[in-house]
Amino acid sequence: KLDYATVVSVTPVTEKTELYATVLGAEPVHETTTST
């Protein structure tokens, strides 16, 4: 009884997804100034 229908076209359905990265570490960057 099993039959098959022919696939004419396949269109992907997409949506915008936010991408996030896991923070492993953060090092501060210092700036030193000299005044007179």
PDB file of all heavy atoms in Angstrom:
ATOM      1  N   LYS A   1       0.819  -1.212   0.000  1.00  0.00           N
ATOM      2  CA  LYS A   1       0.000   0.000   0.000  1.00  0.00           C
ATOM      3  C   LYS A   1       0.859   1.272   0.000  1.00  0.00           C
ATOM      4  O   LYS A   1       0.345   2.352  -0.301  1.00  0.00           O
ATOM      5  CB  LYS A   1      -0.899   0.014   1.231  1.00  0.00           C
ATOM      6  CG  LYS A   1      -1.949  -1.094   1.250  1.00  0.00           C
ATOM      7  CD  LYS A   1      -2.771  -1.025   2.524  1.00  0.00           C
ATOM      8  CE  LYS A   1      -3.801  -2.139   2.581  1.00  0.00           C
ATOM      9  NZ  LYS A   1      -4.591  -2.093   3.836  1.00  0.00           N
ATOM     10  N   LEU A   2       2.168   1.212   0.413  1.00  0.00           N
ATOM     11  CA  LEU A   2       3.026   2.387   0.523  1.00  0.00           C
ATOM     12  C   LEU A   2       3.340   2.952  -0.849  1.00  0.00           C
ATOM     13  O   LEU A   2       3.734   2.222  -1.762  1.00  0.00           O
ATOM     14  CB  LEU A   2       4.332   2.017   1.242  1.00  0.00           C
ATOM     15  CG  LEU A   2       5.239   3.178   1.628  1.00  0.00           C
ATOM     16  CD1 LEU A   2       4.550   4.074   2.644  1.00  0.00           C
ATOM     17  CD2 LEU A   2       6.557   2.654   2.200  1.00  0.00           C
ATOM     18  N   ASP A   3       3.141   4.256  -0.981  1.00  0.00           N
ATOM     19  CA  ASP A   3       3.415   4.948  -2.236  1.00  0.00           C
ATOM     20  C   ASP A   3       4.284   6.161  -1.917  1.00  0.00           C
ATOM     21  O   ASP A   3       4.562   6.465  -0.754  1.00  0.00           O
ATOM     22  CB  ASP A   3       2.101   5.368  -2.898  1.00  0.00           C
ATOM     23  CG  ASP A   3       2.297   5.643  -4.395  1.00  0.00           C
ATOM     24  OD1 ASP A   3       3.457   5.547  -4.855  1.00  0.00           O
ATOM     25  OD2 ASP A   3       1.309   5.966  -5.064  1.00  0.00           O
ATOM     26  N   TYR A   4       4.689   6.893  -2.942  1.00  0.00           N
ATOM     27  CA  TYR A   4       5.555   8.051  -2.731  1.00  0.00           C
ATOM     28  C   TYR A   4       5.070   9.229  -3.557  1.00  0.00           C
ATOM     29  O   TYR A   4       4.631   9.063  -4.707  1.00  0.00           O
ATOM     30  CB  TYR A   4       7.012   7.734  -3.103  1.00  0.00           C
ATOM     31  CG  TYR A   4       7.655   6.747  -2.162  1.00  0.00           C
ATOM     32  CD1 TYR A   4       7.627   5.379  -2.440  1.00  0.00           C
ATOM     33  CD2 TYR A   4       8.264   7.177  -0.989  1.00  0.00           C
ATOM     34  CE1 TYR A   4       8.211   4.472  -1.580  1.00  0.00           C
ATOM     35  CE2 TYR A   4       8.840   6.269  -0.127  1.00  0.00           C
ATOM     36  CZ  TYR A   4       8.819   4.920  -0.417  1.00  0.00           C
ATOM     37  OH  TYR A   4       9.390   4.028   0.430  1.00  0.00           O
ATOM     38  N   ALA A   5       5.171  10.427  -2.942  1.00  0.00           N
ATOM     39  CA  ALA A   5       4.889  11.671  -3.649  1.00  0.00           C
ATOM     40  C   ALA A   5       6.215  12.310  -4.034  1.00  0.00           C
ATOM     41  O   ALA A   5       7.184  12.274  -3.271  1.00  0.00           O
ATOM     42  CB  ALA A   5       4.091  12.623  -2.754  1.00  0.00           C
ATOM     43  N   THR A   6       6.256  12.886  -5.225  1.00  0.00           N
ATOM     44  CA  THR A   6       7.486  13.501  -5.712  1.00  0.00           C
ATOM     45  C   THR A   6       7.643  14.908  -5.132  1.00  0.00           C
ATOM     46  O   THR A   6       6.736  15.726  -5.210  1.00  0.00           O
ATOM     47  CB  THR A   6       7.482  13.579  -7.247  1.00  0.00           C
ATOM     48  OG1 THR A   6       7.318  12.258  -7.783  1.00  0.00           O
ATOM     49  CG2 THR A   6       8.775  14.175  -7.758  1.00  0.00           C
ATOM     50  N   VAL A   7       8.788  15.169  -4.548  1.00  0.00           N
ATOM     51  CA  VAL A   7       9.064  16.498  -3.994  1.00  0.00           C
ATOM     52  C   VAL A   7       9.453  17.436  -5.132  1.00  0.00           C
ATOM     53  O   VAL A   7      10.401  17.176  -5.880  1.00  0.00           O
ATOM     54  CB  VAL A   7      10.181  16.432  -2.940  1.00  0.00           C
ATOM     55  CG1 VAL A   7      10.568  17.836  -2.475  1.00  0.00           C
ATOM     56  CG2 VAL A   7       9.744  15.576  -1.761  1.00  0.00           C
ATOM     57  N   VAL A   8       8.715  18.509  -5.276  1.00  0.00           N
ATOM     58  CA  VAL A   8       8.971  19.488  -6.337  1.00  0.00           C
ATOM     59  C   VAL A   8       9.995  20.522  -5.885  1.00  0.00           C
ATOM     60  O   VAL A   8      10.921  20.872  -6.619  1.00  0.00           O
ATOM     61  CB  VAL A   8       7.654  20.173  -6.757  1.00  0.00           C
ATOM     62  CG1 VAL A   8       7.927  21.230  -7.829  1.00  0.00           C
ATOM     63  CG2 VAL A   8       6.651  19.139  -7.257  1.00  0.00           C
ATOM     64  N   SER A   9       9.844  21.060  -4.675  1.00  0.00           N
ATOM     65  CA  SER A   9      10.772  22.072  -4.172  1.00  0.00           C
ATOM     66  C   SER A   9      10.772  22.047  -2.643  1.00  0.00           C
ATOM     67  O   SER A   9       9.786  21.652  -2.021  1.00  0.00           O
ATOM     68  CB  SER A   9      10.400  23.470  -4.663  1.00  0.00           C
ATOM     69  OG  SER A   9       9.134  23.863  -4.149  1.00  0.00           O
ATOM     70  N   VAL A  10      11.912  22.474  -2.088  1.00  0.00           N
ATOM     71  CA  VAL A  10      12.070  22.573  -0.637  1.00  0.00           C
ATOM     72  C   VAL A  10      12.647  23.950  -0.318  1.00  0.00           C
ATOM     73  O   VAL A  10      13.738  24.290  -0.776  1.00  0.00           O
ATOM     74  CB  VAL A  10      12.994  21.464  -0.084  1.00  0.00           C
ATOM     75  CG1 VAL A  10      13.172  21.632   1.421  1.00  0.00           C
ATOM     76  CG2 VAL A  10      12.447  20.087  -0.412  1.00  0.00           C
ATOM     77  N   THR A  11      11.901  24.737   0.453  1.00  0.00           N
ATOM     78  CA  THR A  11      12.344  26.082   0.821  1.00  0.00           C
ATOM     79  C   THR A  11      12.563  26.144   2.327  1.00  0.00           C
ATOM     80  O   THR A  11      11.619  25.943   3.096  1.00  0.00           O
ATOM     81  CB  THR A  11      11.298  27.139   0.416  1.00  0.00           C
ATOM     82  OG1 THR A  11      11.050  27.040  -0.990  1.00  0.00           O
ATOM     83  CG2 THR A  11      11.782  28.536   0.762  1.00  0.00           C
ATOM     84  N   PRO A  12      13.805  26.405   2.759  1.00  0.00           N
ATOM     85  CA  PRO A  12      14.052  26.498   4.208  1.00  0.00           C
ATOM     86  C   PRO A  12      13.315  27.690   4.815  1.00  0.00           C
ATOM     87  O   PRO A  12      13.236  28.762   4.220  1.00  0.00           O
ATOM     88  CB  PRO A  12      15.574  26.685   4.308  1.00  0.00           C
ATOM     89  CG  PRO A  12      16.104  26.204   2.990  1.00  0.00           C
ATOM     90  CD  PRO A  12      15.060  26.531   1.984  1.00  0.00           C
ATOM     91  N   VAL A  13      12.774  27.505   5.987  1.00  0.00           N
ATOM     92  CA  VAL A  13      12.137  28.575   6.754  1.00  0.00           C
ATOM     93  C   VAL A  13      13.110  28.973   7.861  1.00  0.00           C
ATOM     94  O   VAL A  13      13.480  28.153   8.701  1.00  0.00           O
ATOM     95  CB  VAL A  13      10.796  28.114   7.363  1.00  0.00           C
ATOM     96  CG1 VAL A  13      10.163  29.241   8.172  1.00  0.00           C
ATOM     97  CG2 VAL A  13       9.861  27.642   6.260  1.00  0.00           C
ATOM     98  N   THR A  14      13.565  30.239   7.851  1.00  0.00           N
ATOM     99  CA  THR A  14      14.572  30.694   8.806  1.00  0.00           C
ATOM    100  C   THR A  14      14.013  31.785   9.700  1.00  0.00           C
ATOM    101  O   THR A  14      13.027  32.446   9.369  1.00  0.00           O
ATOM    102  CB  THR A  14      15.819  31.223   8.079  1.00  0.00           C
ATOM    103  OG1 THR A  14      15.457  32.352   7.273  1.00  0.00           O
ATOM    104  CG2 THR A  14      16.430  30.143   7.203  1.00  0.00           C
ATOM    105  N   GLU A  15      14.682  31.968  10.833  1.00  0.00           N
ATOM    106  CA  GLU A  15      14.358  33.067  11.742  1.00  0.00           C
ATOM    107  C   GLU A  15      15.655  33.555  12.375  1.00  0.00           C
ATOM    108  O   GLU A  15      16.622  32.810  12.508  1.00  0.00           O
ATOM    109  CB  GLU A  15      13.364  32.628  12.804  1.00  0.00           C
ATOM    110  CG  GLU A  15      13.880  31.594  13.759  1.00  0.00           C
ATOM    111  CD  GLU A  15      12.866  31.210  14.823  1.00  0.00           C
ATOM    112  OE1 GLU A  15      11.661  31.512  14.647  1.00  0.00           O
ATOM    113  OE2 GLU A  15      13.279  30.608  15.836  1.00  0.00           O
ATOM    114  N   LYS A  16      15.662  34.859  12.732  1.00  0.00           N
ATOM    115  CA  LYS A  16      16.840  35.450  13.349  1.00  0.00           C
ATOM    116  C   LYS A  16      16.990  34.920  14.779  1.00  0.00           C
ATOM    117  O   LYS A  16      16.048  34.919  15.554  1.00  0.00           O
ATOM    118  CB  LYS A  16      16.718  36.974  13.387  1.00  0.00           C
ATOM    119  CG  LYS A  16      16.748  37.632  12.020  1.00  0.00           C
ATOM    120  CD  LYS A  16      18.121  37.546  11.385  1.00  0.00           C
ATOM    121  CE  LYS A  16      18.171  38.312  10.065  1.00  0.00           C
ATOM    122  NZ  LYS A  16      19.490  38.219   9.413  1.00  0.00           N
ATOM    123  N   THR A  17      18.192  34.485  15.086  1.00  0.00           N
ATOM    124  CA  THR A  17      18.483  33.954  16.410  1.00  0.00           C
ATOM    125  C   THR A  17      19.680  34.696  16.997  1.00  0.00           C
ATOM    126  O   THR A  17      20.698  34.865  16.321  1.00  0.00           O
ATOM    127  CB  THR A  17      18.796  32.450  16.352  1.00  0.00           C
ATOM    128  OG1 THR A  17      17.691  31.761  15.746  1.00  0.00           O
ATOM    129  CG2 THR A  17      19.042  31.895  17.745  1.00  0.00           C
ATOM    130  N   GLU A  18      19.534  35.154  18.239  1.00  0.00           N
ATOM    131  CA  GLU A  18      20.631  35.831  18.921  1.00  0.00           C
ATOM    132  C   GLU A  18      21.732  34.828  19.262  1.00  0.00           C
ATOM    133  O   GLU A  18      21.454  33.720  19.726  1.00  0.00           O
ATOM    134  CB  GLU A  18      20.142  36.496  20.208  1.00  0.00           C
ATOM    135  CG  GLU A  18      19.186  37.660  19.984  1.00  0.00           C
ATOM    136  CD  GLU A  18      19.899  38.894  19.474  1.00  0.00           C
ATOM    137  OE1 GLU A  18      21.149  38.961  19.607  1.00  0.00           O
ATOM    138  OE2 GLU A  18      19.222  39.795  18.936  1.00  0.00           O
ATOM    139  N   LEU A  19      22.966  35.244  19.005  1.00  0.00           N
ATOM    140  CA  LEU A  19      24.115  34.410  19.332  1.00  0.00           C
ATOM    141  C   LEU A  19      24.822  34.981  20.559  1.00  0.00           C
ATOM    142  O   LEU A  19      25.076  36.184  20.638  1.00  0.00           O
ATOM    143  CB  LEU A  19      25.095  34.355  18.157  1.00  0.00           C
ATOM    144  CG  LEU A  19      24.645  33.594  16.918  1.00  0.00           C
ATOM    145  CD1 LEU A  19      25.726  33.669  15.843  1.00  0.00           C
ATOM    146  CD2 LEU A  19      24.348  32.148  17.250  1.00  0.00           C
ATOM    147  N   TYR A  20      25.138  34.114  21.507  1.00  0.00           N
ATOM    148  CA  TYR A  20      25.820  34.534  22.721  1.00  0.00           C
ATOM    149  C   TYR A  20      27.045  33.649  22.949  1.00  0.00           C
ATOM    150  O   TYR A  20      27.047  32.467  22.604  1.00  0.00           O
ATOM    151  CB  TYR A  20      24.903  34.441  23.936  1.00  0.00           C
ATOM    152  CG  TYR A  20      23.765  35.425  23.915  1.00  0.00           C
ATOM    153  CD1 TYR A  20      22.516  35.058  23.425  1.00  0.00           C
ATOM    154  CD2 TYR A  20      23.938  36.718  24.376  1.00  0.00           C
ATOM    155  CE1 TYR A  20      21.466  35.958  23.403  1.00  0.00           C
ATOM    156  CE2 TYR A  20      22.894  37.632  24.348  1.00  0.00           C
ATOM    157  CZ  TYR A  20      21.664  37.241  23.868  1.00  0.00           C
ATOM    158  OH  TYR A  20      20.633  38.142  23.837  1.00  0.00           O
ATOM    159  N   ALA A  21      28.085  34.257  23.516  1.00  0.00           N
ATOM    160  CA  ALA A  21      29.289  33.524  23.888  1.00  0.00           C
ATOM    161  C   ALA A  21      29.441  33.571  25.408  1.00  0.00           C
ATOM    162  O   ALA A  21      29.091  34.559  26.050  1.00  0.00           O
ATOM    163  CB  ALA A  21      30.522  34.133  23.222  1.00  0.00           C
ATOM    164  N   THR A  22      29.972  32.509  25.955  1.00  0.00           N
ATOM    165  CA  THR A  22      30.190  32.428  27.397  1.00  0.00           C
ATOM    166  C   THR A  22      31.525  33.074  27.749  1.00  0.00           C
ATOM    167  O   THR A  22      32.555  32.748  27.159  1.00  0.00           O
ATOM    168  CB  THR A  22      30.185  30.964  27.865  1.00  0.00           C
ATOM    169  OG1 THR A  22      28.942  30.359  27.495  1.00  0.00           O
ATOM    170  CG2 THR A  22      30.362  30.873  29.368  1.00  0.00           C
ATOM    171  N   VAL A  23      31.510  33.995  28.696  1.00  0.00           N
ATOM    172  CA  VAL A  23      32.729  34.701  29.102  1.00  0.00           C
ATOM    173  C   VAL A  23      33.568  33.785  29.990  1.00  0.00           C
ATOM    174  O   VAL A  23      33.085  33.276  31.003  1.00  0.00           O
ATOM    175  CB  VAL A  23      32.391  36.010  29.838  1.00  0.00           C
ATOM    176  CG1 VAL A  23      33.665  36.659  30.385  1.00  0.00           C
ATOM    177  CG2 VAL A  23      31.668  36.968  28.911  1.00  0.00           C
ATOM    178  N   LEU A  24      34.829  33.578  29.592  1.00  0.00           N
ATOM    179  CA  LEU A  24      35.749  32.755  30.367  1.00  0.00           C
ATOM    180  C   LEU A  24      36.624  33.592  31.284  1.00  0.00           C
ATOM    181  O   LEU A  24      37.060  33.122  32.339  1.00  0.00           O
ATOM    182  CB  LEU A  24      36.629  31.920  29.423  1.00  0.00           C
ATOM    183  CG  LEU A  24      35.892  30.975  28.465  1.00  0.00           C
ATOM    184  CD1 LEU A  24      36.893  30.269  27.555  1.00  0.00           C
ATOM    185  CD2 LEU A  24      35.054  29.977  29.226  1.00  0.00           C
ATOM    186  N   GLY A  25      36.899  34.830  30.902  1.00  0.00           N
ATOM    187  CA  GLY A  25      37.746  35.705  31.722  1.00  0.00           C
ATOM    188  C   GLY A  25      37.789  37.102  31.125  1.00  0.00           C
ATOM    189  O   GLY A  25      37.563  37.291  29.926  1.00  0.00           O
ATOM    190  N   ALA A  26      38.088  38.092  31.984  1.00  0.00           N
ATOM    191  CA  ALA A  26      38.173  39.486  31.537  1.00  0.00           C
ATOM    192  C   ALA A  26      39.312  40.174  32.288  1.00  0.00           C
ATOM    193  O   ALA A  26      39.337  40.183  33.518  1.00  0.00           O
ATOM    194  CB  ALA A  26      36.857  40.223  31.780  1.00  0.00           C
ATOM    195  N   GLU A  27      40.277  40.720  31.528  1.00  0.00           N
ATOM    196  CA  GLU A  27      41.417  41.414  32.109  1.00  0.00           C
ATOM    197  C   GLU A  27      41.311  42.909  31.811  1.00  0.00           C
ATOM    198  O   GLU A  27      41.119  43.313  30.668  1.00  0.00           O
ATOM    199  CB  GLU A  27      42.727  40.869  31.543  1.00  0.00           C
ATOM    200  CG  GLU A  27      43.036  39.429  31.920  1.00  0.00           C
ATOM    201  CD  GLU A  27      43.317  39.261  33.403  1.00  0.00           C
ATOM    202  OE1 GLU A  27      43.761  40.262  34.019  1.00  0.00           O
ATOM    203  OE2 GLU A  27      43.089  38.165  33.927  1.00  0.00           O
ATOM    204  N   PRO A  28      41.442  43.762  32.852  1.00  0.00           N
ATOM    205  CA  PRO A  28      41.349  45.212  32.614  1.00  0.00           C
ATOM    206  C   PRO A  28      42.569  45.748  31.864  1.00  0.00           C
ATOM    207  O   PRO A  28      43.688  45.270  32.048  1.00  0.00           O
ATOM    208  CB  PRO A  28      41.261  45.786  34.034  1.00  0.00           C
ATOM    209  CG  PRO A  28      41.926  44.762  34.899  1.00  0.00           C
ATOM    210  CD  PRO A  28      41.628  43.424  34.270  1.00  0.00           C
ATOM    211  N   VAL A  29      42.337  46.728  31.023  1.00  0.00           N
ATOM    212  CA  VAL A  29      43.408  47.415  30.294  1.00  0.00           C
ATOM    213  C   VAL A  29      43.552  48.804  30.916  1.00  0.00           C
ATOM    214  O   VAL A  29      42.611  49.599  30.901  1.00  0.00           O
ATOM    215  CB  VAL A  29      43.081  47.527  28.793  1.00  0.00           C
ATOM    216  CG1 VAL A  29      44.197  48.286  28.063  1.00  0.00           C
ATOM    217  CG2 VAL A  29      42.882  46.150  28.184  1.00  0.00           C
ATOM    218  N   HIS A  30      44.740  49.081  31.493  1.00  0.00           N
ATOM    219  CA  HIS A  30      44.963  50.337  32.201  1.00  0.00           C
ATOM    220  C   HIS A  30      45.705  51.335  31.310  1.00  0.00           C
ATOM    221  O   HIS A  30      46.523  50.960  30.475  1.00  0.00           O
ATOM    222  CB  HIS A  30      45.765  50.103  33.479  1.00  0.00           C
ATOM    223  CG  HIS A  30      45.088  49.201  34.465  1.00  0.00           C
ATOM    224  ND1 HIS A  30      43.942  49.563  35.137  1.00  0.00           N
ATOM    225  CD2 HIS A  30      45.396  47.947  34.894  1.00  0.00           C
ATOM    226  CE1 HIS A  30      43.571  48.590  35.938  1.00  0.00           C
ATOM    227  NE2 HIS A  30      44.427  47.580  35.808  1.00  0.00           N
ATOM    228  N   GLU A  31      45.414  52.602  31.537  1.00  0.00           N
ATOM    229  CA  GLU A  31      46.108  53.700  30.864  1.00  0.00           C
ATOM    230  C   GLU A  31      46.684  54.620  31.933  1.00  0.00           C
ATOM    231  O   GLU A  31      45.958  55.102  32.806  1.00  0.00           O
ATOM    232  CB  GLU A  31      45.149  54.476  29.961  1.00  0.00           C
ATOM    233  CG  GLU A  31      45.821  55.622  29.225  1.00  0.00           C
ATOM    234  CD  GLU A  31      44.821  56.415  28.397  1.00  0.00           C
ATOM    235  OE1 GLU A  31      44.059  57.224  28.989  1.00  0.00           O
ATOM    236  OE2 GLU A  31      44.781  56.204  27.169  1.00  0.00           O
ATOM    237  N   THR A  32      48.014  54.855  31.883  1.00  0.00           N
ATOM    238  CA  THR A  32      48.696  55.692  32.862  1.00  0.00           C
ATOM    239  C   THR A  32      49.061  57.034  32.234  1.00  0.00           C
ATOM    240  O   THR A  32      49.641  57.079  31.155  1.00  0.00           O
ATOM    241  CB  THR A  32      49.965  55.005  33.381  1.00  0.00           C
ATOM    242  OG1 THR A  32      49.607  53.741  33.959  1.00  0.00           O
ATOM    243  CG2 THR A  32      50.655  55.848  34.436  1.00  0.00           C
ATOM    244  N   THR A  33      48.712  58.117  32.911  1.00  0.00           N
ATOM    245  CA  THR A  33      49.017  59.462  32.431  1.00  0.00           C
ATOM    246  C   THR A  33      49.875  60.188  33.466  1.00  0.00           C
ATOM    247  O   THR A  33      49.738  59.982  34.673  1.00  0.00           O
ATOM    248  CB  THR A  33      47.733  60.267  32.173  1.00  0.00           C
ATOM    249  OG1 THR A  33      46.958  60.322  33.385  1.00  0.00           O
ATOM    250  CG2 THR A  33      46.899  59.618  31.088  1.00  0.00           C
ATOM    251  N   THR A  34      50.784  61.052  32.966  1.00  0.00           N
ATOM    252  CA  THR A  34      51.667  61.853  33.813  1.00  0.00           C
ATOM    253  C   THR A  34      51.347  63.327  33.611  1.00  0.00           C
ATOM    254  O   THR A  34      51.280  63.798  32.476  1.00  0.00           O
ATOM    255  CB  THR A  34      53.140  61.586  33.479  1.00  0.00           C
ATOM    256  OG1 THR A  34      53.412  60.182  33.635  1.00  0.00           O
ATOM    257  CG2 THR A  34      54.064  62.378  34.379  1.00  0.00           C
ATOM    258  N   SER A  35      51.176  64.039  34.717  1.00  0.00           N
ATOM    259  CA  SER A  35      50.880  65.475  34.648  1.00  0.00           C
ATOM    260  C   SER A  35      51.874  66.239  35.503  1.00  0.00           C
ATOM    261  O   SER A  35      52.409  65.725  36.490  1.00  0.00           O
ATOM    262  CB  SER A  35      49.457  65.759  35.129  1.00  0.00           C
ATOM    263  OG  SER A  35      49.284  65.336  36.473  1.00  0.00           O
ATOM    264  N   THR A  36      52.165  67.516  35.126  1.00  0.00           N
ATOM    265  CA  THR A  36      53.099  68.368  35.863  1.00  0.00           C
ATOM    266  C   THR A  36      52.391  69.635  36.305  1.00  0.00           C
ATOM    267  O   THR A  36      51.537  70.174  35.588  1.00  0.00           O
ATOM    268  CB  THR A  36      54.302  68.734  34.988  1.00  0.00           C
ATOM    269  OG1 THR A  36      53.844  69.389  33.791  1.00  0.00           O
ATOM    270  CG2 THR A  36      55.094  67.499  34.596  1.00  0.00           C
TER     271      THR A  36
END
